[in-house]
Amino acid sequence: PSAAMALDMDSFIESELSKDSGPKNKDLSADEGMCRFGQPSEATGQACVRANLSTKRQGGVDAFGTIDRGDYVKCKAYYVDGGDNGF
């Protein structure tokens, strides 16, 4: 391998550092911060509504603290009379 093929560490480090400082480091408003990082409660849900952010979260609990437990179907008992078997 020639010296021309070697990695220029200074330019590599500079390019990696310039990638990190970008537009993704924006300041959050109080409502956005409360919505994204607050514990599920009525106040957190209201902050999400004011910030125009979704109230859905992972894990089944939304920002208001409501738990999505799905649809429950009530089981019905079914008894079989065995007749001669005695069951």
N, C-alpha and C. Protein backbone atom coordinates (compact mmCIF):
# COMPACT_ATOMS: atom_id res chain seq x y z
N PRO A 1 0.83 -1.19 0.00
CA PRO A 1 0.00 0.00 0.00
C PRO A 1 0.87 1.25 0.00
N SER A 2 0.44 2.23 -0.74
CA SER A 2 1.19 3.47 -0.84
C SER A 2 0.73 4.47 0.21
N ALA A 3 1.53 5.51 0.41
CA ALA A 3 1.20 6.54 1.39
C ALA A 3 -0.02 7.35 0.95
N ALA A 4 -0.28 7.42 -0.34
CA ALA A 4 -1.43 8.15 -0.85
C ALA A 4 -2.75 7.47 -0.48
N MET A 5 -2.71 6.19 -0.24
CA MET A 5 -3.92 5.43 0.11
C MET A 5 -4.21 5.48 1.61
N ALA A 6 -3.29 6.01 2.40
CA ALA A 6 -3.46 6.04 3.85
C ALA A 6 -4.58 7.02 4.23
N LEU A 7 -5.21 6.77 5.36
CA LEU A 7 -6.30 7.60 5.83
C LEU A 7 -5.75 8.88 6.45
N ASP A 8 -6.24 10.01 5.99
CA ASP A 8 -5.84 11.29 6.56
C ASP A 8 -6.67 11.50 7.84
N MET A 9 -6.06 11.25 9.01
CA MET A 9 -6.79 11.29 10.28
C MET A 9 -7.33 12.67 10.60
N ASP A 10 -6.58 13.72 10.28
CA ASP A 10 -7.06 15.07 10.60
C ASP A 10 -8.35 15.39 9.84
N SER A 11 -8.39 15.09 8.57
CA SER A 11 -9.61 15.39 7.80
C SER A 11 -10.75 14.46 8.21
N PHE A 12 -10.43 13.22 8.57
CA PHE A 12 -11.46 12.30 9.03
C PHE A 12 -12.09 12.79 10.33
N ILE A 13 -11.27 13.20 11.28
CA ILE A 13 -11.79 13.69 12.57
C ILE A 13 -12.60 14.95 12.35
N GLU A 14 -12.14 15.86 11.50
CA GLU A 14 -12.86 17.09 11.23
C GLU A 14 -14.22 16.82 10.60
N SER A 15 -14.27 15.87 9.69
CA SER A 15 -15.55 15.55 9.05
C SER A 15 -16.52 14.90 10.04
N GLU A 16 -16.01 14.07 10.94
CA GLU A 16 -16.88 13.44 11.94
C GLU A 16 -17.41 14.47 12.93
N LEU A 17 -16.58 15.40 13.33
CA LEU A 17 -17.02 16.43 14.26
C LEU A 17 -18.02 17.37 13.60
N SER A 18 -17.86 17.65 12.34
CA SER A 18 -18.80 18.54 11.66
C SER A 18 -20.16 17.86 11.46
N LYS A 19 -20.19 16.53 11.39
CA LYS A 19 -21.46 15.81 11.29
C LYS A 19 -22.26 15.94 12.58
N ASP A 20 -21.57 15.94 13.72
CA ASP A 20 -22.26 15.97 15.01
C ASP A 20 -22.96 17.30 15.27
N SER A 21 -22.35 18.40 14.87
CA SER A 21 -22.96 19.70 15.14
C SER A 21 -23.83 20.08 13.96
N GLY A 22 -25.10 19.77 14.07
CA GLY A 22 -26.03 20.02 12.98
C GLY A 22 -27.35 20.55 13.50
N PRO A 23 -28.34 20.58 12.66
CA PRO A 23 -29.64 21.14 13.05
C PRO A 23 -30.41 20.28 14.04
N LYS A 24 -29.95 19.06 14.33
CA LYS A 24 -30.70 18.22 15.26
C LYS A 24 -30.52 18.65 16.71
N ASN A 25 -29.61 19.58 17.00
CA ASN A 25 -29.40 20.07 18.35
C ASN A 25 -30.21 21.35 18.57
N LYS A 26 -31.54 21.27 18.45
CA LYS A 26 -32.37 22.45 18.62
C LYS A 26 -32.87 22.53 20.06
N ASP A 27 -33.24 23.71 20.46
CA ASP A 27 -33.77 23.91 21.81
C ASP A 27 -35.23 23.49 21.84
N LEU A 28 -35.61 22.82 22.92
CA LEU A 28 -37.00 22.41 23.10
C LEU A 28 -37.74 23.45 23.91
N SER A 29 -39.01 23.66 23.57
CA SER A 29 -39.83 24.52 24.41
C SER A 29 -40.19 23.73 25.68
N ALA A 30 -40.77 24.40 26.63
CA ALA A 30 -41.14 23.73 27.88
C ALA A 30 -42.18 22.64 27.63
N ASP A 31 -43.14 22.93 26.74
CA ASP A 31 -44.18 21.93 26.44
C ASP A 31 -43.61 20.74 25.68
N GLU A 32 -42.69 20.98 24.73
CA GLU A 32 -42.08 19.87 24.00
C GLU A 32 -41.25 19.00 24.93
N GLY A 33 -40.50 19.62 25.83
CA GLY A 33 -39.70 18.86 26.78
C GLY A 33 -40.57 18.04 27.72
N MET A 34 -41.66 18.64 28.19
CA MET A 34 -42.57 17.92 29.08
C MET A 34 -43.23 16.75 28.35
N CYS A 35 -43.60 16.97 27.09
CA CYS A 35 -44.25 15.91 26.32
C CYS A 35 -43.29 14.76 26.05
N ARG A 36 -42.07 15.06 25.68
CA ARG A 36 -41.13 14.01 25.30
C ARG A 36 -40.53 13.28 26.50
N PHE A 37 -40.30 13.98 27.61
CA PHE A 37 -39.56 13.37 28.71
C PHE A 37 -40.35 13.29 30.02
N GLY A 38 -41.57 13.81 30.05
CA GLY A 38 -42.35 13.80 31.29
C GLY A 38 -43.00 12.47 31.55
N GLN A 39 -43.30 12.26 32.81
CA GLN A 39 -43.99 11.04 33.23
C GLN A 39 -45.45 11.13 32.79
N PRO A 40 -46.06 10.02 32.35
CA PRO A 40 -47.44 10.07 31.87
C PRO A 40 -48.39 10.61 32.93
N SER A 41 -49.09 11.68 32.59
CA SER A 41 -50.07 12.29 33.49
C SER A 41 -50.94 13.23 32.67
N GLU A 42 -51.93 13.82 33.31
CA GLU A 42 -52.81 14.77 32.63
C GLU A 42 -52.03 15.98 32.14
N ALA A 43 -51.09 16.48 32.95
CA ALA A 43 -50.29 17.65 32.57
C ALA A 43 -49.39 17.35 31.38
N THR A 44 -48.82 16.14 31.33
CA THR A 44 -47.98 15.76 30.21
C THR A 44 -48.80 15.65 28.93
N GLY A 45 -49.97 15.10 29.02
CA GLY A 45 -50.86 15.00 27.85
C GLY A 45 -51.25 16.37 27.33
N GLN A 46 -51.56 17.29 28.24
CA GLN A 46 -51.92 18.65 27.82
C GLN A 46 -50.73 19.36 27.18
N ALA A 47 -49.52 19.11 27.68
CA ALA A 47 -48.33 19.70 27.07
C ALA A 47 -48.13 19.18 25.65
N CYS A 48 -48.41 17.91 25.41
CA CYS A 48 -48.30 17.35 24.06
C CYS A 48 -49.32 17.99 23.12
N VAL A 49 -50.52 18.22 23.62
CA VAL A 49 -51.55 18.85 22.80
C VAL A 49 -51.14 20.28 22.45
N ARG A 50 -50.62 21.03 23.44
CA ARG A 50 -50.19 22.41 23.18
C ARG A 50 -49.01 22.47 22.22
N ALA A 51 -48.12 21.47 22.26
CA ALA A 51 -46.94 21.45 21.41
C ALA A 51 -47.21 20.80 20.05
N ASN A 52 -48.45 20.37 19.81
CA ASN A 52 -48.83 19.70 18.57
C ASN A 52 -48.01 18.44 18.32
N LEU A 53 -47.75 17.67 19.37
CA LEU A 53 -47.03 16.40 19.27
C LEU A 53 -47.99 15.27 19.57
N SER A 54 -47.65 14.07 19.10
CA SER A 54 -48.49 12.90 19.32
C SER A 54 -48.45 12.49 20.80
N THR A 55 -49.59 12.04 21.30
CA THR A 55 -49.64 11.57 22.69
C THR A 55 -49.36 10.08 22.81
N LYS A 56 -49.18 9.39 21.68
CA LYS A 56 -48.89 7.95 21.71
C LYS A 56 -47.45 7.72 22.15
N ARG A 57 -47.24 6.69 22.93
CA ARG A 57 -45.91 6.29 23.39
C ARG A 57 -45.78 4.79 23.26
N GLN A 58 -44.56 4.30 23.36
CA GLN A 58 -44.34 2.86 23.33
C GLN A 58 -44.72 2.27 24.68
N GLY A 59 -45.18 1.05 24.67
CA GLY A 59 -45.46 0.35 25.90
C GLY A 59 -46.92 0.32 26.29
N GLY A 60 -47.81 0.94 25.51
CA GLY A 60 -49.23 0.85 25.80
C GLY A 60 -49.79 1.95 26.66
N VAL A 61 -48.95 2.86 27.22
CA VAL A 61 -49.44 3.96 28.04
C VAL A 61 -49.22 5.25 27.24
N ASP A 62 -50.28 6.04 27.05
CA ASP A 62 -50.11 7.29 26.32
C ASP A 62 -49.67 8.40 27.25
N ALA A 63 -49.50 9.61 26.73
CA ALA A 63 -48.99 10.73 27.53
C ALA A 63 -49.95 11.13 28.64
N PHE A 64 -51.23 10.84 28.49
CA PHE A 64 -52.21 11.16 29.52
C PHE A 64 -52.22 10.12 30.64
N GLY A 65 -51.56 9.00 30.46
CA GLY A 65 -51.54 7.95 31.47
C GLY A 65 -52.59 6.88 31.24
N THR A 66 -53.27 6.93 30.09
CA THR A 66 -54.29 5.95 29.77
C THR A 66 -53.61 4.68 29.25
N ILE A 67 -54.03 3.55 29.78
CA ILE A 67 -53.44 2.27 29.40
C ILE A 67 -54.32 1.60 28.36
N ASP A 68 -53.71 1.18 27.25
CA ASP A 68 -54.43 0.46 26.21
C ASP A 68 -54.28 -1.03 26.49
N ARG A 69 -55.34 -1.63 26.98
CA ARG A 69 -55.30 -3.05 27.34
C ARG A 69 -55.93 -3.93 26.28
N GLY A 70 -56.33 -3.34 25.18
CA GLY A 70 -56.92 -4.14 24.11
C GLY A 70 -58.38 -4.43 24.37
N ASP A 71 -58.94 -5.31 23.58
CA ASP A 71 -60.34 -5.70 23.70
C ASP A 71 -60.44 -7.01 24.46
N TYR A 72 -61.28 -7.01 25.47
CA TYR A 72 -61.49 -8.23 26.24
C TYR A 72 -62.81 -8.86 25.82
N VAL A 73 -62.78 -10.16 25.70
CA VAL A 73 -63.99 -10.91 25.39
C VAL A 73 -64.30 -11.76 26.61
N LYS A 74 -65.51 -11.64 27.10
CA LYS A 74 -65.89 -12.41 28.29
C LYS A 74 -66.14 -13.86 27.90
N CYS A 75 -65.51 -14.74 28.61
CA CYS A 75 -65.67 -16.17 28.35
C CYS A 75 -67.00 -16.65 28.93
N LYS A 76 -67.62 -17.57 28.21
CA LYS A 76 -68.87 -18.15 28.68
C LYS A 76 -68.60 -19.59 29.11
N ALA A 77 -69.17 -19.95 30.24
CA ALA A 77 -68.99 -21.32 30.73
C ALA A 77 -69.81 -22.27 29.87
N TYR A 78 -69.22 -23.39 29.56
CA TYR A 78 -69.89 -24.41 28.74
C TYR A 78 -69.78 -25.73 29.50
N TYR A 79 -70.89 -26.24 29.94
CA TYR A 79 -70.91 -27.48 30.70
C TYR A 79 -71.48 -28.61 29.85
N VAL A 80 -70.80 -29.75 29.92
CA VAL A 80 -71.24 -30.90 29.16
C VAL A 80 -71.71 -31.96 30.15
N ASP A 81 -72.92 -32.43 29.92
CA ASP A 81 -73.45 -33.51 30.77
C ASP A 81 -73.01 -34.83 30.15
N GLY A 82 -72.21 -35.59 30.88
CA GLY A 82 -71.64 -36.82 30.35
C GLY A 82 -72.62 -37.97 30.24
N GLY A 83 -73.73 -37.87 30.88
CA GLY A 83 -74.72 -38.94 30.78
C GLY A 83 -74.28 -40.18 31.53
N ASP A 84 -73.99 -41.30 30.83
CA ASP A 84 -73.69 -42.58 31.44
C ASP A 84 -72.27 -42.62 32.02
N ASN A 85 -71.38 -41.79 31.56
CA ASN A 85 -70.00 -41.84 32.01
C ASN A 85 -69.82 -41.26 33.40
N GLY A 86 -70.76 -40.50 33.89
CA GLY A 86 -70.68 -39.94 35.21
C GLY A 86 -69.87 -38.65 35.29
N PHE A 87 -69.54 -38.14 34.16
CA PHE A 87 -68.79 -36.88 34.16
C PHE A 87 -69.72 -35.72 34.01
